[in-house]
C-alpha atoms as a PDB file:
ATOM      1  CA  MET A   1     -12.116   5.203 -11.075  1.00  0.00           C
ATOM      2  CA  GLY A   2     -10.920   7.474  -8.337  1.00  0.00           C
ATOM      3  CA  ILE A   3      -7.808   7.899  -6.282  1.00  0.00           C
ATOM      4  CA  VAL A   4      -8.834   5.224  -3.742  1.00  0.00           C
ATOM      5  CA  ALA A   5      -9.103   2.599  -6.481  1.00  0.00           C
ATOM      6  CA  LYS A   6      -5.687   3.572  -7.844  1.00  0.00           C
ATOM      7  CA  LYS A   7      -3.987   3.485  -4.435  1.00  0.00           C
ATOM      8  CA  LEU A   8      -5.685   0.210  -3.503  1.00  0.00           C
ATOM      9  CA  GLY A   9      -4.550  -1.311  -6.787  1.00  0.00           C
ATOM     10  CA  LEU A  10      -0.976  -0.136  -6.256  1.00  0.00           C
ATOM     11  CA  ARG A  11      -1.035  -1.544  -2.737  1.00  0.00           C
ATOM     12  CA  ILE A  12      -2.292  -4.936  -3.886  1.00  0.00           C
ATOM     13  CA  LYS A  13       0.398  -5.037  -6.567  1.00  0.00           C
ATOM     14  CA  GLU A  14       3.064  -4.025  -4.043  1.00  0.00           C
ATOM     15  CA  LEU A  15       2.001  -6.743  -1.587  1.00  0.00           C
ATOM     16  CA  ARG A  16       1.677  -9.360  -4.337  1.00  0.00           C
ATOM     17  CA  GLU A  17       5.182  -8.617  -5.589  1.00  0.00           C
ATOM     18  CA  SER A  18       6.583  -8.708  -2.040  1.00  0.00           C
ATOM     19  CA  LYS A  19       5.274 -12.289  -1.808  1.00  0.00           C
ATOM     20  CA  LYS A  20       6.928 -13.070  -5.171  1.00  0.00           C
ATOM     21  CA  LEU A  21       3.583 -13.939  -6.745  1.00  0.00           C
ATOM     22  CA  SER A  22       2.852 -13.284 -10.380  1.00  0.00           C
ATOM     23  CA  GLN A  23      -0.420 -11.646 -11.278  1.00  0.00           C
ATOM     24  CA  LEU A  24      -1.495 -14.886 -12.924  1.00  0.00           C
ATOM     25  CA  LYS A  25      -0.693 -16.978  -9.830  1.00  0.00           C
ATOM     26  CA  LEU A  26      -2.557 -14.658  -7.442  1.00  0.00           C
ATOM     27  CA  ALA A  27      -5.522 -14.607  -9.812  1.00  0.00           C
ATOM     28  CA  GLU A  28      -5.557 -18.426  -9.822  1.00  0.00           C
ATOM     29  CA  LEU A  29      -5.326 -18.580  -6.014  1.00  0.00           C
ATOM     30  CA  ILE A  30      -8.296 -16.250  -5.549  1.00  0.00           C
ATOM     31  CA  ASN A  31     -10.267 -17.795  -8.415  1.00  0.00           C
ATOM     32  CA  MET A  32     -10.323 -14.650 -10.528  1.00  0.00           C
ATOM     33  CA  GLU A  33      -9.551 -13.945 -14.154  1.00  0.00           C
ATOM     34  CA  ALA A  34      -6.050 -12.484 -14.502  1.00  0.00           C
ATOM     35  CA  SER A  35      -7.498  -9.673 -16.608  1.00  0.00           C
ATOM     36  CA  ASN A  36      -9.753  -8.658 -13.697  1.00  0.00           C
ATOM     37  CA  LEU A  37      -6.832  -8.660 -11.271  1.00  0.00           C
ATOM     38  CA  SER A  38      -4.924  -6.512 -13.749  1.00  0.00           C
ATOM     39  CA  LYS A  39      -7.812  -4.025 -13.797  1.00  0.00           C
ATOM     40  CA  ILE A  40      -7.833  -3.951  -9.991  1.00  0.00           C
ATOM     41  CA  GLU A  41      -4.077  -3.340  -9.797  1.00  0.00           C
ATOM     42  CA  ARG A  42      -4.346  -0.529 -12.350  1.00  0.00           C
ATOM     43  CA  GLY A  43      -7.179   1.090 -10.391  1.00  0.00           C
ATOM     44  CA  VAL A  44      -9.679   0.596 -13.199  1.00  0.00           C
ATOM     45  CA  GLN A  45     -11.882  -1.722 -11.156  1.00  0.00           C
ATOM     46  CA  ILE A  46     -12.587  -1.972  -7.417  1.00  0.00           C
ATOM     47  CA  PRO A  47     -12.622  -5.530  -6.055  1.00  0.00           C
ATOM     48  CA  LYS A  48     -15.711  -6.978  -4.416  1.00  0.00           C
ATOM     49  CA  GLU A  49     -15.595  -7.578  -0.676  1.00  0.00           C
ATOM     50  CA  GLU A  50     -15.207 -11.327  -1.136  1.00  0.00           C
ATOM     51  CA  SER A  51     -12.216 -10.736  -3.419  1.00  0.00           C
ATOM     52  CA  LEU A  52     -10.605  -8.437  -0.851  1.00  0.00           C
ATOM     53  CA  ILE A  53     -11.013 -11.149   1.776  1.00  0.00           C
ATOM     54  CA  LYS A  54      -9.432 -13.754  -0.516  1.00  0.00           C
ATOM     55  CA  ILE A  55      -6.553 -11.443  -1.489  1.00  0.00           C
ATOM     56  CA  ALA A  56      -5.796 -10.625   2.145  1.00  0.00           C
ATOM     57  CA  LYS A  57      -5.888 -14.307   3.098  1.00  0.00           C
ATOM     58  CA  ILE A  58      -3.530 -15.367   0.293  1.00  0.00           C
ATOM     59  CA  LEU A  59      -1.140 -12.491   1.063  1.00  0.00           C
ATOM     60  CA  ASP A  60      -1.329 -13.387   4.789  1.00  0.00           C
ATOM     61  CA  ILE A  61      -2.376  -9.893   5.875  1.00  0.00           C
ATOM     62  CA  SER A  62      -5.445  -8.277   7.393  1.00  0.00           C
ATOM     63  CA  ILE A  63      -7.921  -6.526   5.139  1.00  0.00           C
ATOM     64  CA  LYS A  64      -7.029  -3.178   6.697  1.00  0.00           C
ATOM     65  CA  ASP A  65      -3.427  -3.678   5.508  1.00  0.00           C
ATOM     66  CA  LEU A  66      -4.718  -3.471   1.946  1.00  0.00           C
ATOM     67  CA  PHE A  67      -5.712   0.116   2.676  1.00  0.00           C
ATOM     68  CA  ASP A  68      -2.358   1.086   4.188  1.00  0.00           C
ATOM     69  CA  TYR A  69      -1.207   3.103   1.215  1.00  0.00           C
ATOM     70  CA  GLU A  70      -0.252   6.423   2.768  1.00  0.00           C
ATOM     71  CA  HIS A  71       3.318   5.949   1.509  1.00  0.00           C
ATOM     72  CA  PHE A  72       1.994   6.518  -2.018  1.00  0.00           C
ATOM     73  CA  GLU A  73       1.435  10.206  -1.197  1.00  0.00           C
ATOM     74  CA  THR A  74       3.347  12.835  -3.134  1.00  0.00           C
ATOM     75  CA  LYS A  75       6.675  14.078  -1.819  1.00  0.00           C
ATOM     76  CA  SER A  76       5.265  17.471  -0.833  1.00  0.00           C
ATOM     77  CA  ILE A  77       2.386  15.922   1.135  1.00  0.00           C
ATOM     78  CA  LEU A  78       4.763  13.538   2.919  1.00  0.00           C
ATOM     79  CA  ILE A  79       7.079  16.433   3.811  1.00  0.00           C
ATOM     80  CA  LYS A  80       4.127  18.349   5.286  1.00  0.00           C
ATOM     81  CA  LYS A  81       3.118  15.312   7.351  1.00  0.00           C
ATOM     82  CA  ILE A  82       6.696  14.781   8.541  1.00  0.00           C
ATOM     83  CA  ASN A  83       6.987  18.467   9.471  1.00  0.00           C
ATOM     84  CA  LYS A  84       3.776  18.241  11.493  1.00  0.00           C
ATOM     85  CA  ILE A  85       5.127  15.231  13.392  1.00  0.00           C
ATOM     86  CA  LEU A  86       8.404  17.036  14.035  1.00  0.00           C
ATOM     87  CA  GLU A  87       6.682  20.223  15.203  1.00  0.00           C
ATOM     88  CA  GLU A  88       4.618  18.238  17.720  1.00  0.00           C
ATOM     89  CA  SER A  89       7.617  16.235  19.003  1.00  0.00           C
ATOM     90  CA  SER A  90       9.973  16.944  21.857  1.00  0.00           C
ATOM     91  CA  THR A  91      13.483  18.204  21.166  1.00  0.00           C
ATOM     92  CA  LEU A  92      14.857  14.804  22.185  1.00  0.00           C
ATOM     93  CA  ASN A  93      12.655  13.010  19.658  1.00  0.00           C
ATOM     94  CA  VAL A  94      13.553  15.477  16.897  1.00  0.00           C
ATOM     95  CA  GLN A  95      17.217  14.727  17.599  1.00  0.00           C
ATOM     96  CA  LYS A  96      16.475  10.992  17.334  1.00  0.00           C
ATOM     97  CA  PHE A  97      14.606  11.498  14.055  1.00  0.00           C
ATOM     98  CA  TYR A  98      17.540  13.482  12.713  1.00  0.00           C
ATOM     99  CA  LYS A  99      19.980  10.674  13.556  1.00  0.00           C
ATOM    100  CA  ILE A 100      17.723   8.156  11.875  1.00  0.00           C
ATOM    101  CA  LEU A 101      17.473  10.282   8.742  1.00  0.00           C
ATOM    102  CA  GLN A 102      21.242  10.729   8.634  1.00  0.00           C
ATOM    103  CA  THR A 103      21.703   6.955   8.471  1.00  0.00           C
ATOM    104  CA  LEU A 104      19.488   6.806   5.378  1.00  0.00           C
ATOM    105  CA  GLN A 105      21.606   9.195   3.324  1.00  0.00           C
END
């Protein structure tokens, strides 16, 4: 499978773990074999639309949230995106961003 399947799988796993659900429990709740959910989370298999709807419902999120996986980008890509945001921002906002980043160190 491609990069979308891998990122979608990682996102589903991330959201499942944030809800403190085991793979087995989520599989039971969406009426799916645990082995199939494992394949989805590993990016080996893409879920059907009905499975995406069930997963989103159980995780209490919208379907579009399943595709919010930009944070899985590589460090260099994220740095480029951050630089673009900074370059397009006002000096005041860049100063605010800098203060925020300092608190994270």
